[in-house]
Amino acid sequence: MKVTASAKYLRGSPRKVRAVAGLVVGMSPLLAINKLKLIRKKPTAAIIKVIRQAIANAKNNFKIEKPEDLRISQIKVNEGPRMKRVDKSHGARFDRGIIQKKFYHLEVVLEGEYGK
């Protein structure tokens, strides 16, 4: 059985988030949170929040008491919409003056041994 949690429309570049998210795949969620606290990157706060949300989903929805038995099987970082605006200082002709603010969607999937 899989336990999922997600957050959508988070502000930042999905490419930079994937670099941080790839460090904790396969770990226990509690160990992953401790490791992410030591990393000084902006997306770590959002990843920690979604991992804690997945642990809470496991406790409330699946009655799993020990989060130590769980493992992070996947962290999906998908590209969200882009907010675009024109900046006249960069030359507003064609695509040179368009500044794109990127968003991403984050989903954490936990798996573990159930029924033990």
C-alpha atoms as a PDB file:
ATOM      1  CA  MET A   1       0.000   0.000   0.000  1.00  0.00           C
ATOM      2  CA  LYS A   2       1.208   3.487  -0.835  1.00  0.00           C
ATOM      3  CA  VAL A   3       0.788   6.637   1.214  1.00  0.00           C
ATOM      4  CA  THR A   4       0.930   9.895  -0.733  1.00  0.00           C
ATOM      5  CA  ALA A   5       1.000  13.585   0.056  1.00  0.00           C
ATOM      6  CA  SER A   6       1.297  16.500  -2.315  1.00  0.00           C
ATOM      7  CA  ALA A   7       1.655  20.243  -2.566  1.00  0.00           C
ATOM      8  CA  LYS A   8       0.877  22.210  -5.688  1.00  0.00           C
ATOM      9  CA  TYR A   9       1.784  25.595  -7.127  1.00  0.00           C
ATOM     10  CA  LEU A  10       4.980  26.027  -5.130  1.00  0.00           C
ATOM     11  CA  ARG A  11       7.207  28.875  -6.241  1.00  0.00           C
ATOM     12  CA  GLY A  12      10.630  27.889  -7.574  1.00  0.00           C
ATOM     13  CA  SER A  13      12.404  26.064 -10.318  1.00  0.00           C
ATOM     14  CA  PRO A  14      11.552  22.348 -10.594  1.00  0.00           C
ATOM     15  CA  ARG A  15      15.057  21.546 -11.782  1.00  0.00           C
ATOM     16  CA  LYS A  16      16.593  22.904  -8.572  1.00  0.00           C
ATOM     17  CA  VAL A  17      14.041  21.061  -6.430  1.00  0.00           C
ATOM     18  CA  ARG A  18      14.805  17.734  -8.121  1.00  0.00           C
ATOM     19  CA  ALA A  19      18.453  18.097  -7.129  1.00  0.00           C
ATOM     20  CA  VAL A  20      17.477  18.307  -3.443  1.00  0.00           C
ATOM     21  CA  ALA A  21      14.661  15.736  -3.601  1.00  0.00           C
ATOM     22  CA  GLY A  22      16.900  13.077  -5.116  1.00  0.00           C
ATOM     23  CA  LEU A  23      19.059  13.013  -1.992  1.00  0.00           C
ATOM     24  CA  VAL A  24      16.423  11.448   0.258  1.00  0.00           C
ATOM     25  CA  VAL A  25      14.709   8.843  -1.945  1.00  0.00           C
ATOM     26  CA  GLY A  26      14.911   5.413  -0.317  1.00  0.00           C
ATOM     27  CA  MET A  27      15.382   6.732   3.223  1.00  0.00           C
ATOM     28  CA  SER A  28      13.172   6.546   6.256  1.00  0.00           C
ATOM     29  CA  PRO A  29      11.044   9.715   6.455  1.00  0.00           C
ATOM     30  CA  LEU A  30      12.400  10.703   9.876  1.00  0.00           C
ATOM     31  CA  LEU A  31      15.987  10.266   8.714  1.00  0.00           C
ATOM     32  CA  ALA A  32      15.193  12.229   5.550  1.00  0.00           C
ATOM     33  CA  ILE A  33      13.785  15.142   7.572  1.00  0.00           C
ATOM     34  CA  ASN A  34      16.923  15.246   9.714  1.00  0.00           C
ATOM     35  CA  LYS A  35      19.136  15.194   6.630  1.00  0.00           C
ATOM     36  CA  LEU A  36      17.136  17.918   4.892  1.00  0.00           C
ATOM     37  CA  LYS A  37      17.421  20.206   7.912  1.00  0.00           C
ATOM     38  CA  LEU A  38      21.182  20.316   7.351  1.00  0.00           C
ATOM     39  CA  ILE A  39      20.908  21.322   3.687  1.00  0.00           C
ATOM     40  CA  ARG A  40      20.844  25.065   3.101  1.00  0.00           C
ATOM     41  CA  LYS A  41      18.610  25.258   0.039  1.00  0.00           C
ATOM     42  CA  LYS A  42      15.239  26.950  -0.326  1.00  0.00           C
ATOM     43  CA  PRO A  43      13.167  23.901  -1.417  1.00  0.00           C
ATOM     44  CA  THR A  44      14.041  21.865   1.691  1.00  0.00           C
ATOM     45  CA  ALA A  45      11.293  23.559   3.730  1.00  0.00           C
ATOM     46  CA  ALA A  46       8.601  22.526   1.244  1.00  0.00           C
ATOM     47  CA  ILE A  47       9.942  18.960   0.980  1.00  0.00           C
ATOM     48  CA  ILE A  48      10.028  18.593   4.788  1.00  0.00           C
ATOM     49  CA  LYS A  49       6.470  19.886   5.014  1.00  0.00           C
ATOM     50  CA  VAL A  50       5.168  17.372   2.459  1.00  0.00           C
ATOM     51  CA  ILE A  51       7.064  14.467   4.089  1.00  0.00           C
ATOM     52  CA  ARG A  52       5.476  15.362   7.454  1.00  0.00           C
ATOM     53  CA  GLN A  53       2.103  15.506   5.728  1.00  0.00           C
ATOM     54  CA  ALA A  54       2.673  12.003   4.310  1.00  0.00           C
ATOM     55  CA  ILE A  55       3.571  10.682   7.784  1.00  0.00           C
ATOM     56  CA  ALA A  56       0.354  12.198   9.150  1.00  0.00           C
ATOM     57  CA  ASN A  57      -1.622  10.606   6.302  1.00  0.00           C
ATOM     58  CA  ALA A  58      -0.108   7.228   7.185  1.00  0.00           C
ATOM     59  CA  LYS A  59      -1.070   7.603  10.846  1.00  0.00           C
ATOM     60  CA  ASN A  60      -4.600   8.888  10.275  1.00  0.00           C
ATOM     61  CA  ASN A  61      -5.696   7.042   7.144  1.00  0.00           C
ATOM     62  CA  PHE A  62      -3.831   3.730   7.439  1.00  0.00           C
ATOM     63  CA  LYS A  63      -3.354   3.507  11.240  1.00  0.00           C
ATOM     64  CA  ILE A  64       0.424   3.109  10.963  1.00  0.00           C
ATOM     65  CA  GLU A  65       1.883   3.882  14.381  1.00  0.00           C
ATOM     66  CA  LYS A  66       5.598   3.618  13.606  1.00  0.00           C
ATOM     67  CA  PRO A  67       6.871   5.859  10.796  1.00  0.00           C
ATOM     68  CA  GLU A  68      10.253   4.112  11.093  1.00  0.00           C
ATOM     69  CA  ASP A  69       8.799   1.215   9.071  1.00  0.00           C
ATOM     70  CA  LEU A  70       8.106   3.484   6.093  1.00  0.00           C
ATOM     71  CA  ARG A  71      10.441   4.375   3.228  1.00  0.00           C
ATOM     72  CA  ILE A  72      10.298   7.191   0.697  1.00  0.00           C
ATOM     73  CA  SER A  73       9.777   5.332  -2.556  1.00  0.00           C
ATOM     74  CA  GLN A  74       9.311   8.355  -4.851  1.00  0.00           C
ATOM     75  CA  ILE A  75       9.453  12.111  -4.827  1.00  0.00           C
ATOM     76  CA  LYS A  76       7.852  13.502  -7.953  1.00  0.00           C
ATOM     77  CA  VAL A  77       8.627  17.075  -8.922  1.00  0.00           C
ATOM     78  CA  ASN A  78       6.502  18.128 -11.871  1.00  0.00           C
ATOM     79  CA  GLU A  79       6.532  21.447 -13.648  1.00  0.00           C
ATOM     80  CA  GLY A  80       3.646  23.784 -12.899  1.00  0.00           C
ATOM     81  CA  PRO A  81       2.441  26.849 -14.772  1.00  0.00           C
ATOM     82  CA  ARG A  82       4.633  29.835 -15.471  1.00  0.00           C
ATOM     83  CA  MET A  83       3.829  33.387 -14.604  1.00  0.00           C
ATOM     84  CA  LYS A  84       5.107  35.636 -17.366  1.00  0.00           C
ATOM     85  CA  ARG A  85       5.661  39.367 -17.411  1.00  0.00           C
ATOM     86  CA  VAL A  86       7.357  41.843 -19.715  1.00  0.00           C
ATOM     87  CA  ASP A  87      10.424  43.720 -18.538  1.00  0.00           C
ATOM     88  CA  LYS A  88      11.163  46.775 -20.657  1.00  0.00           C
ATOM     89  CA  SER A  89      14.757  46.991 -19.458  1.00  0.00           C
ATOM     90  CA  HIS A  90      15.614  43.716 -21.208  1.00  0.00           C
ATOM     91  CA  GLY A  91      14.195  44.773 -24.539  1.00  0.00           C
ATOM     92  CA  ALA A  92      10.528  44.076 -24.977  1.00  0.00           C
ATOM     93  CA  ARG A  93      10.881  42.708 -28.493  1.00  0.00           C
ATOM     94  CA  PHE A  94      10.001  39.075 -29.106  1.00  0.00           C
ATOM     95  CA  ASP A  95      11.097  36.809 -26.228  1.00  0.00           C
ATOM     96  CA  ARG A  96      13.944  38.898 -24.811  1.00  0.00           C
ATOM     97  CA  GLY A  97      11.805  40.978 -22.474  1.00  0.00           C
ATOM     98  CA  ILE A  98       9.728  38.154 -21.016  1.00  0.00           C
ATOM     99  CA  ILE A  99      10.582  37.121 -17.466  1.00  0.00           C
ATOM    100  CA  GLN A 100       9.192  33.726 -16.445  1.00  0.00           C
ATOM    101  CA  LYS A 101       8.431  32.904 -12.826  1.00  0.00           C
ATOM    102  CA  LYS A 102       8.287  29.115 -12.483  1.00  0.00           C
ATOM    103  CA  PHE A 103       6.093  26.941 -10.268  1.00  0.00           C
ATOM    104  CA  TYR A 104       6.275  23.229  -9.423  1.00  0.00           C
ATOM    105  CA  HIS A 105       4.092  20.459  -8.020  1.00  0.00           C
ATOM    106  CA  LEU A 106       5.568  18.149  -5.368  1.00  0.00           C
ATOM    107  CA  GLU A 107       4.354  14.641  -4.507  1.00  0.00           C
ATOM    108  CA  VAL A 108       5.884  12.272  -1.946  1.00  0.00           C
ATOM    109  CA  VAL A 109       5.068   8.540  -1.981  1.00  0.00           C
ATOM    110  CA  LEU A 110       5.813   6.412   1.088  1.00  0.00           C
ATOM    111  CA  GLU A 111       5.815   2.609   1.122  1.00  0.00           C
ATOM    112  CA  GLY A 112       6.389   0.202   3.941  1.00  0.00           C
ATOM    113  CA  GLU A 113       5.740  -3.092   5.649  1.00  0.00           C
ATOM    114  CA  TYR A 114       2.162  -3.255   6.862  1.00  0.00           C
ATOM    115  CA  GLY A 115       0.502  -5.773   9.115  1.00  0.00           C
ATOM    116  CA  LYS A 116       3.559  -6.573  11.221  1.00  0.00           C
END
